[in-house]
């Protein structure tokens, strides 16, 4: 498991950024990697760092589950519109997106099932 909150990237020097890219590139290229759970705030558009991660995942062929967090912060109609916009912006399929809320618990069971599916897909 690798947790990259905010990717730790924005305030890093050029040397640190290069090292970070190498770390991420090595992790996402691991043959036994079942996939990535990518936590993204549903209220925000993808940042340049998000785009860089998207490129790293795509280059490595890494399966991605995009968990759109804080879905409880938006009215239902806006949630669906934002989910559609982010699906298109991130170039992922609808089954790769789960709307989640830590506060209400919405989407957590679905995300858990999706993660289990990724693990089953690579388990011998």
Foldseek 3Di string as FASTA:
>chain_A
DDDQVVPPAPPDDPVVNVVSVVVLLVVLLDPLQLADEAEAALVDAQDPVNVVSLVSNVVNVGQAAYEHEPLVVDPPVSSVVSLVVNCVSSVHDPLSYFYAYPVVGHRVVVVVVVVVVSNVVRDD
